[in-house]
Protein backbone atom coordinates (compact mmCIF):
# COMPACT_ATOMS: atom_id res chain seq x y z
CA MET A 1 -133.29 -131.37 71.47
CA ARG A 2 -133.24 -128.69 74.28
CA THR A 3 -136.42 -128.61 76.18
CA LEU A 4 -137.77 -124.86 76.92
CA PRO A 5 -138.77 -124.32 80.42
CA ASN A 6 -142.52 -124.59 81.18
CA PHE A 7 -143.83 -121.00 82.48
CA SER A 8 -147.15 -120.38 83.72
CA ARG A 9 -149.50 -118.08 81.95
CA PRO A 10 -148.92 -114.90 84.34
CA ARG A 11 -144.98 -115.41 84.07
CA ARG A 12 -145.16 -115.84 80.29
CA LEU A 13 -147.27 -112.44 80.01
CA ALA A 14 -144.85 -110.72 82.14
CA LEU A 15 -141.73 -111.80 80.20
CA GLY A 16 -143.35 -110.81 76.98
CA ALA A 17 -143.76 -107.23 78.38
CA ALA A 18 -140.22 -107.01 79.39
CA LEU A 19 -139.15 -108.06 75.91
CA LEU A 20 -141.49 -105.57 74.25
CA LEU A 21 -140.02 -102.64 76.28
CA ALA A 22 -136.28 -103.77 75.80
CA CYS A 23 -137.03 -103.41 71.88
CA ALA A 24 -139.05 -100.30 72.16
CA ALA A 25 -136.36 -98.09 74.21
CA PRO A 26 -133.80 -98.00 71.58
CA ALA A 27 -136.68 -96.94 68.96
CA PHE A 28 -137.88 -94.06 71.29
CA ALA A 29 -134.06 -92.76 71.44
CA GLN A 30 -133.72 -92.62 67.84
CA MET A 31 -136.83 -90.46 67.57
CA ALA A 32 -134.65 -87.34 68.75
CA PRO A 33 -133.36 -85.14 66.03
CA GLY A 34 -129.95 -85.71 64.99
CA GLY A 35 -129.71 -88.98 67.14
CA ALA A 36 -129.14 -87.22 70.39
CA SER A 37 -131.12 -85.44 72.79
CA LYS A 38 -130.20 -81.61 73.81
CA THR A 39 -129.50 -80.72 77.58
CA LYS A 40 -131.51 -77.51 78.55
CA VAL A 41 -129.18 -74.94 80.34
CA GLY A 42 -129.58 -71.63 82.06
CA VAL A 43 -127.50 -69.06 80.84
CA ILE A 44 -126.46 -65.24 81.65
CA GLU A 45 -124.76 -62.82 79.29
CA LEU A 46 -121.43 -61.55 80.81
CA THR A 47 -120.63 -57.94 80.87
CA GLU A 48 -117.48 -56.12 81.74
CA ALA A 49 -117.70 -53.62 84.55
CA LYS A 50 -115.24 -51.74 86.83
CA VAL A 51 -114.81 -53.98 89.82
CA PRO A 52 -113.23 -53.12 93.19
CA TYR A 53 -109.91 -55.24 93.35
CA GLN A 54 -109.95 -56.81 96.88
CA VAL A 55 -107.41 -58.92 98.48
CA THR A 56 -107.93 -60.99 101.73
CA LEU A 57 -105.26 -60.93 104.27
CA PRO A 58 -104.67 -62.79 107.66
CA GLY A 59 -104.10 -60.36 110.52
CA ARG A 60 -103.35 -60.10 114.28
CA ALA A 61 -104.12 -57.40 116.74
CA VAL A 62 -101.63 -55.61 118.52
CA ALA A 63 -102.18 -53.32 121.47
CA PHE A 64 -101.98 -49.60 120.81
CA GLU A 65 -99.95 -48.95 124.08
CA GLN A 66 -98.94 -51.34 126.52
CA THR A 67 -96.63 -51.12 129.63
CA ASP A 68 -95.56 -53.00 132.55
CA ILE A 69 -95.92 -51.11 136.08
CA ARG A 70 -92.98 -51.43 138.26
CA PRO A 71 -91.95 -49.25 141.31
CA ARG A 72 -89.32 -46.92 141.38
CA VAL A 73 -88.64 -46.75 145.15
CA GLU A 74 -88.22 -49.43 147.68
CA GLY A 75 -91.01 -50.08 150.32
CA VAL A 76 -94.01 -52.04 151.42
CA ILE A 77 -97.23 -51.64 149.46
CA GLU A 78 -99.78 -50.00 151.57
CA GLU A 79 -102.74 -49.82 149.19
CA ILE A 80 -103.89 -51.18 145.89
CA VAL A 81 -106.21 -48.40 144.55
CA TYR A 82 -107.33 -49.57 141.16
CA THR A 83 -109.88 -51.93 140.29
CA PRO A 84 -108.59 -54.60 137.57
CA GLY A 85 -110.41 -54.25 134.39
CA ALA A 86 -111.85 -50.75 135.10
CA PRO A 87 -110.25 -48.26 132.51
CA LEU A 88 -107.88 -45.81 133.88
CA GLN A 89 -106.85 -42.35 132.54
CA VAL A 90 -103.27 -40.92 132.49
CA GLY A 91 -102.36 -39.99 136.20
CA ASP A 92 -105.05 -42.16 138.03
CA LEU A 93 -103.42 -43.67 141.20
CA MET A 94 -102.86 -47.21 141.24
CA TYR A 95 -100.40 -48.24 144.08
CA ARG A 96 -99.44 -46.37 147.36
CA ILE A 97 -96.14 -47.46 148.96
CA GLU A 98 -95.20 -46.78 152.56
CA GLY A 99 -93.54 -43.55 152.54
CA ALA A 100 -92.96 -42.44 155.93
CA SER A 101 -88.97 -42.80 155.77
CA TYR A 102 -88.98 -40.72 152.39
CA GLU A 103 -90.97 -38.04 154.14
CA ALA A 104 -88.40 -37.97 156.85
CA GLU A 105 -85.54 -37.63 154.16
CA LEU A 106 -87.54 -34.71 152.47
CA ALA A 107 -87.86 -32.96 156.01
CA ALA A 108 -84.05 -33.34 156.53
CA ALA A 109 -83.32 -32.09 152.87
CA GLU A 110 -85.47 -28.94 153.59
CA ALA A 111 -83.44 -28.13 156.55
CA ALA A 112 -80.13 -28.84 154.82
CA LEU A 113 -81.36 -26.26 152.14
CA ALA A 114 -82.42 -23.79 154.68
CA GLY A 115 -78.86 -24.11 156.34
CA ALA A 116 -77.09 -23.72 152.97
CA LYS A 117 -79.17 -20.50 152.30
CA ALA A 118 -78.06 -19.14 155.63
CA SER A 119 -74.60 -19.86 154.89
CA VAL A 120 -74.85 -17.95 151.50
CA GLN A 121 -76.08 -15.03 153.22
CA SER A 122 -73.62 -14.82 155.73
CA ALA A 123 -70.90 -15.56 153.05
CA THR A 124 -72.38 -12.78 150.78
CA ALA A 125 -72.53 -10.19 153.71
CA THR A 126 -68.77 -10.84 154.51
CA ALA A 127 -67.32 -10.80 151.00
CA GLU A 128 -69.21 -7.51 150.38
CA ARG A 129 -67.74 -5.88 153.59
CA TYR A 130 -64.39 -7.10 152.62
CA ARG A 131 -64.43 -5.64 149.18
CA LYS A 132 -65.20 -2.26 150.99
CA LEU A 133 -62.34 -2.54 153.09
CA ASP A 134 -59.84 -3.70 150.68
CA GLY A 135 -56.52 -2.09 151.28
CA VAL A 136 -57.88 -0.24 154.36
CA GLY A 137 -58.47 -2.74 156.96
CA VAL A 138 -58.06 -6.23 155.29
CA THR A 139 -55.56 -7.43 152.95
CA ARG A 140 -56.33 -8.64 149.23
CA GLU A 141 -55.96 -12.12 150.30
CA ASP A 142 -58.70 -11.72 152.88
CA VAL A 143 -60.95 -10.60 150.17
CA GLU A 144 -60.17 -13.51 148.05
CA SER A 145 -60.76 -15.96 150.81
CA ALA A 146 -64.17 -14.25 151.46
CA GLU A 147 -65.24 -14.65 147.72
CA VAL A 148 -64.10 -18.26 147.65
CA ALA A 149 -66.19 -18.91 150.90
CA LEU A 150 -69.17 -17.40 149.13
CA MET A 151 -68.79 -19.31 146.04
CA GLN A 152 -68.42 -22.61 148.40
CA ALA A 153 -71.43 -21.66 150.29
CA GLU A 154 -73.38 -21.15 146.80
CA ALA A 155 -72.29 -24.47 145.70
CA ASP A 156 -73.57 -26.07 149.05
CA GLN A 157 -76.92 -24.35 148.48
CA ARG A 158 -77.28 -25.87 144.84
CA SER A 159 -76.46 -29.37 146.36
CA ALA A 160 -78.96 -29.05 149.03
CA GLU A 161 -81.55 -27.89 146.49
CA ALA A 162 -80.76 -31.06 144.38
CA SER A 163 -80.94 -33.28 147.39
CA LEU A 164 -84.41 -31.74 148.21
CA LYS A 165 -85.61 -32.37 144.51
CA THR A 166 -84.29 -36.17 144.78
CA ALA A 167 -86.22 -36.39 148.24
CA GLN A 168 -89.49 -34.80 146.86
CA LEU A 169 -89.47 -37.24 143.73
CA ASN A 170 -88.73 -40.34 146.06
CA VAL A 171 -91.97 -39.02 148.15
CA ASP A 172 -93.99 -38.72 144.96
CA ARG A 173 -92.91 -42.09 143.78
CA THR A 174 -94.54 -43.93 146.57
CA GLU A 175 -97.69 -43.04 144.88
CA ILE A 176 -97.60 -45.10 141.54
CA ARG A 177 -99.80 -43.67 138.67
CA ALA A 178 -101.19 -44.82 135.45
CA PRO A 179 -98.37 -43.58 132.76
CA ILE A 180 -101.02 -44.12 130.00
CA GLN A 181 -104.67 -44.57 129.50
CA GLY A 182 -105.73 -48.13 129.41
CA VAL A 183 -107.02 -51.32 131.22
CA PRO A 184 -104.85 -52.67 134.07
CA GLU A 185 -104.71 -56.50 134.74
CA VAL A 186 -105.15 -58.21 138.20
CA SER A 187 -102.04 -57.15 140.54
CA GLU A 188 -99.32 -59.51 140.81
CA PHE A 189 -98.26 -58.25 144.32
CA SER A 190 -100.69 -57.92 147.38
CA VAL A 191 -100.76 -55.30 149.96
CA GLY A 192 -98.02 -55.80 152.61
CA ALA A 193 -95.55 -57.23 149.90
CA LEU A 194 -92.01 -55.80 149.72
CA VAL A 195 -91.14 -54.22 146.39
CA THR A 196 -87.79 -52.66 145.29
CA ALA A 197 -87.15 -49.98 142.81
CA ASN A 198 -86.90 -51.00 139.24
CA GLN A 199 -87.50 -54.82 140.02
CA SER A 200 -87.74 -57.13 137.15
CA ASP A 201 -91.11 -58.53 138.00
CA ALA A 202 -94.00 -56.14 137.17
CA LEU A 203 -96.77 -55.17 139.58
CA THR A 204 -99.40 -55.30 136.85
CA THR A 205 -99.57 -54.50 133.23
CA LEU A 206 -101.85 -51.66 131.71
CA THR A 207 -102.92 -51.86 128.06
CA ARG A 208 -104.89 -49.47 125.86
CA LEU A 209 -107.27 -51.18 123.56
CA ASP A 210 -108.88 -48.13 121.75
CA PRO A 211 -107.60 -47.50 119.22
CA ILE A 212 -105.86 -50.89 118.34
CA TYR A 213 -103.38 -51.90 115.85
CA VAL A 214 -103.75 -54.99 113.32
CA ASP A 215 -100.66 -56.30 111.73
CA LEU A 216 -101.63 -57.73 108.16
CA THR A 217 -99.43 -60.31 106.06
CA GLU A 218 -99.14 -60.16 102.37
CA SER A 219 -97.20 -62.43 100.09
CA SER A 220 -94.52 -60.53 98.42
CA ALA A 221 -94.91 -62.43 95.26
CA ARG A 222 -98.63 -61.16 95.09
CA LEU A 223 -97.36 -57.57 96.18
CA LEU A 224 -95.05 -57.54 93.08
CA ARG A 225 -98.03 -58.78 90.75
CA THR A 226 -100.04 -56.09 92.09
CA ARG A 227 -97.50 -53.26 91.37
CA GLU A 228 -96.98 -55.04 88.13
CA ARG A 229 -100.70 -54.54 87.24
CA ILE A 230 -100.93 -50.96 88.43
CA ALA A 231 -97.79 -50.02 86.41
CA ASP A 232 -99.61 -51.62 83.12
CA GLY A 233 -102.65 -49.72 83.84
CA GLN A 234 -104.99 -52.85 84.46
CA LEU A 235 -105.32 -51.67 88.12
CA LYS A 236 -106.16 -47.82 89.09
CA MET A 237 -105.38 -47.06 92.81
CA GLY A 238 -107.84 -45.49 94.92
CA ASP A 239 -107.07 -42.51 97.09
CA LYS A 240 -106.62 -44.62 100.07
CA LEU A 241 -106.84 -48.10 101.33
CA ASP A 242 -110.43 -49.27 102.00
CA VAL A 243 -109.92 -52.00 104.91
CA SER A 244 -112.67 -53.95 106.69
CA LEU A 245 -112.18 -56.83 109.15
CA THR A 246 -114.01 -60.01 109.64
CA LEU A 247 -113.71 -61.26 113.23
CA GLU A 248 -112.87 -64.92 114.54
CA ASN A 249 -116.51 -65.76 114.78
CA GLY A 250 -117.31 -64.59 111.12
CA GLN A 251 -118.83 -61.25 112.47
CA SER A 252 -118.11 -58.18 110.18
CA TYR A 253 -116.67 -55.31 112.13
CA ASP A 254 -118.17 -52.22 110.97
CA ILE A 255 -115.37 -49.66 111.62
CA LYS A 256 -112.88 -49.08 108.80
CA GLY A 257 -109.16 -48.70 109.31
CA SER A 258 -106.24 -46.52 108.15
CA LEU A 259 -102.79 -47.57 107.05
CA VAL A 260 -100.15 -46.61 109.62
CA SER A 261 -96.97 -48.24 108.27
CA PRO A 262 -96.44 -49.94 104.87
CA GLY A 263 -94.27 -52.94 104.82
CA ARG A 264 -90.50 -52.52 103.78
CA LEU A 265 -88.92 -55.66 104.74
CA VAL A 266 -89.94 -59.28 103.37
CA SER A 267 -89.54 -62.05 106.03
CA SER A 268 -86.67 -64.53 105.21
CA THR A 269 -88.60 -67.30 106.43
CA THR A 270 -91.96 -66.74 105.07
CA GLY A 271 -91.52 -64.56 102.11
CA SER A 272 -94.30 -62.06 103.49
CA VAL A 273 -94.67 -58.37 104.12
CA ASP A 274 -96.19 -56.96 107.17
CA PHE A 275 -98.58 -54.03 107.15
CA ARG A 276 -99.81 -52.17 110.22
CA MET A 277 -103.39 -50.80 110.32
CA GLN A 278 -105.13 -48.72 113.08
CA PHE A 279 -108.69 -49.05 114.00
CA ASP A 280 -111.04 -47.42 116.41
CA ASN A 281 -112.06 -50.06 119.23
CA PRO A 282 -114.69 -48.22 121.35
CA ASP A 283 -116.37 -51.44 122.61
CA ASN A 284 -112.84 -53.14 123.12
CA LEU A 285 -114.34 -56.01 120.63
CA ILE A 286 -110.86 -56.63 119.38
CA MET A 287 -108.27 -57.58 121.73
CA PRO A 288 -104.32 -58.01 121.43
CA GLY A 289 -103.41 -61.39 120.12
CA MET A 290 -106.65 -61.91 118.37
CA PHE A 291 -106.45 -63.38 114.89
CA LEU A 292 -108.57 -61.69 111.99
CA ARG A 293 -109.06 -61.48 108.17
CA ALA A 294 -108.97 -58.32 106.56
CA ASN A 295 -110.68 -57.46 103.21
CA VAL A 296 -108.45 -54.71 101.59
CA THR A 297 -109.79 -52.85 98.51
CA VAL A 298 -106.62 -51.69 96.49
CA GLY A 299 -108.53 -49.92 93.77
CA GLU A 300 -110.65 -50.55 90.66
CA THR A 301 -110.13 -52.98 87.71
CA ASP A 302 -112.07 -53.76 84.42
CA ALA A 303 -113.13 -57.40 84.57
CA VAL A 304 -115.97 -59.80 84.22
CA LEU A 305 -117.65 -60.95 87.09
CA VAL A 306 -118.45 -64.90 87.13
CA PRO A 307 -120.58 -66.26 89.66
CA GLN A 308 -118.81 -68.79 91.87
CA ARG A 309 -121.63 -71.32 91.56
CA ALA A 310 -121.07 -71.69 87.73
CA THR A 311 -117.14 -72.57 88.22
CA ASP A 312 -115.23 -75.70 89.18
CA ARG A 313 -111.78 -75.84 90.45
CA SER A 314 -109.83 -79.11 89.82
CA ALA A 315 -107.35 -80.70 92.10
CA THR A 316 -104.60 -79.01 90.45
CA GLY A 317 -106.10 -75.61 91.16
CA LYS A 318 -107.43 -74.94 87.59
CA LEU A 319 -110.67 -72.91 87.44
CA THR A 320 -113.05 -73.64 84.69
CA ALA A 321 -116.56 -72.81 83.54
CA PHE A 322 -119.06 -73.68 80.56
CA VAL A 323 -120.11 -71.24 78.04
CA ALA A 324 -122.99 -71.95 75.36
CA LYS A 325 -121.65 -71.33 71.83
CA ASP A 326 -123.19 -72.43 68.35
CA GLY A 327 -125.50 -74.89 70.53
CA LYS A 328 -122.78 -76.63 72.29
CA ALA A 329 -121.27 -76.15 75.87
CA GLN A 330 -117.71 -75.25 75.45
CA GLN A 331 -115.58 -75.69 78.72
CA VAL A 332 -113.15 -72.65 79.24
CA THR A 333 -110.16 -72.14 81.72
CA LEU A 334 -110.32 -69.03 83.91
CA THR A 335 -107.72 -66.42 85.32
CA SER A 336 -109.03 -64.73 88.36
CA ALA A 337 -107.69 -61.67 90.29
CA GLY A 338 -109.39 -62.35 93.40
CA THR A 339 -113.17 -62.20 94.47
CA TYR A 340 -116.03 -59.60 94.69
CA GLN A 341 -119.09 -60.49 96.51
CA ASN A 342 -120.13 -63.99 95.30
CA ALA A 343 -118.21 -63.87 91.97
CA TRP A 344 -114.79 -64.44 90.56
CA VAL A 345 -113.02 -61.37 89.11
CA VAL A 346 -112.12 -62.85 86.02
CA THR A 347 -109.17 -61.12 83.69
CA GLU A 348 -109.03 -63.90 81.04
CA GLY A 349 -110.82 -67.07 79.76
CA VAL A 350 -114.25 -65.28 79.06
CA SER A 351 -115.19 -61.81 77.86
CA ALA A 352 -118.27 -59.48 77.60
CA GLY A 353 -121.00 -61.10 75.65
CA ASP A 354 -120.40 -64.71 76.39
CA MET A 355 -123.13 -66.81 77.31
CA LEU A 356 -121.95 -68.39 80.84
CA ILE A 357 -124.02 -71.50 81.72
CA VAL A 358 -125.06 -71.07 85.27
CA ASP A 359 -127.69 -73.88 85.59
CA GLY A 360 -127.99 -77.53 84.37
CA LEU A 361 -124.38 -78.00 85.06
CA LYS A 362 -124.86 -81.42 86.58
CA ASN A 363 -123.08 -84.19 84.46
CA LEU A 364 -122.63 -81.40 81.63
CA ARG A 365 -119.61 -82.30 79.40
CA ALA A 366 -117.64 -80.47 76.80
CA ASP A 367 -119.21 -80.10 73.49
CA ALA A 368 -122.43 -81.33 74.56
CA GLU A 369 -125.45 -80.13 72.56
CA VAL A 370 -127.40 -77.62 74.78
CA GLU A 371 -130.67 -75.63 74.57
CA THR A 372 -130.17 -72.26 76.28
CA VAL A 373 -133.00 -70.47 78.56
CA ALA A 374 -132.06 -66.90 79.75
CA VAL A 375 -132.03 -66.67 83.49
CA THR A 376 -131.01 -64.41 86.31
CA ILE A 377 -128.97 -64.80 89.31
CA ASP A 378 -128.97 -62.89 92.69
CA ALA A 379 -126.16 -62.12 95.11
CA ASP A 380 -127.31 -65.36 97.01
CA GLY A 381 -126.49 -67.54 94.05
CA VAL A 382 -130.31 -68.24 93.27
CA VAL A 383 -131.14 -68.76 89.76
CA THR A 384 -134.47 -67.52 88.40
CA ASP A 385 -135.91 -68.17 84.72
CA ALA A 386 -135.81 -64.57 83.25
CA ALA A 387 -138.87 -64.99 81.39
CA GLN A 388 -141.07 -65.90 84.09
CA GLU A 389 -139.49 -63.15 86.24
CA THR A 390 -140.75 -60.41 83.77
CA SER A 391 -144.12 -62.12 83.62
CA ASP A 392 -144.64 -62.37 87.15
CA ALA A 393 -143.53 -58.51 87.42
CA ALA A 394 -146.09 -57.57 84.56
CA ALA A 395 -148.76 -59.56 86.51
CA GLU A 396 -148.44 -57.32 89.38
CA PRO A 397 -151.38 -54.97 90.05
CA ALA A 398 -150.59 -51.39 89.59
CA PRO A 399 -150.84 -49.36 92.92
CA ALA A 400 -154.23 -47.38 93.65
CA ALA A 401 -154.07 -43.81 92.86
CA GLU A 402 -154.53 -41.77 95.97
């Protein structure tokens, strides 16, 4: 015969209470109607609306204009006039190269031109005199020789004029001026350095930052899908693309852009198409080479907005949500065409009038019995009891009459 353990009175009382609770728990669960308790969930009624169709594209900033500054004559740098980083206008002086030798060549060219003009005057007078004396005091051969000498003198004058123009250009080129509006970099050469005409090494780089280009990249496959939606009438194009930028730090760029060049070629390596946009950049906030995100509004589409907090995405990429129907939670698979604010733009899976479950989703399973409560959800995803919100609004005192 088995001997029962000998418990003290306090321990016997505790053991009895535990056995009583264990027996009572199943009995309490059976008290729920239908043998199972309902999960209380918050729902909103979905509606169809015209939603801006937006896509988010990666982009990179490109300078509107950029040029390397190189000398066009040989010489020693006498002076660096500009200040690195200070904006320059077209024609502002940047470098001054020693020009004494070029000024001497200019003076020699001026003298040569003066001599050529004198020769033309002399040859002209001789030719006119010989024409008058043709057949009287001079032969026809003398007249022709005088005319040839005049033509030679005129040719020498034109050559002297060209040499003078070249000499003047060389003198002018000893002063290197900004060919475009922009911001210069630090000079790669210092005063006293010997430079040559059209050398490979640039003296500095001049970049125009306002306006600025942004090259956007779009998948060719998604571009085809968008064109298909336009052809089917599902998407209505706007008058122009509405493009806004997000900077690398997450800050929104307030100035809108405009399309400069639509993409016509698909990259053989990435399968993408490049679009060039132009943005005003008065504060030089966007710099060449900066990576950006662009939100492009293509047009409007008829769709249902589903708050993102009410959805779940599986490891395979399937987007799902729960709707309340006939007192049960039904899981649906959604097809989205991008996002708008904090919601998915859904084209398939739900329709207007469906009761979307947005609260009480934790541990919710398909076909679970639910008790719905009407709620509202704001732009930040905060859920509020609709009845309580209406009650609070009615309880607010009316404004005093003036």
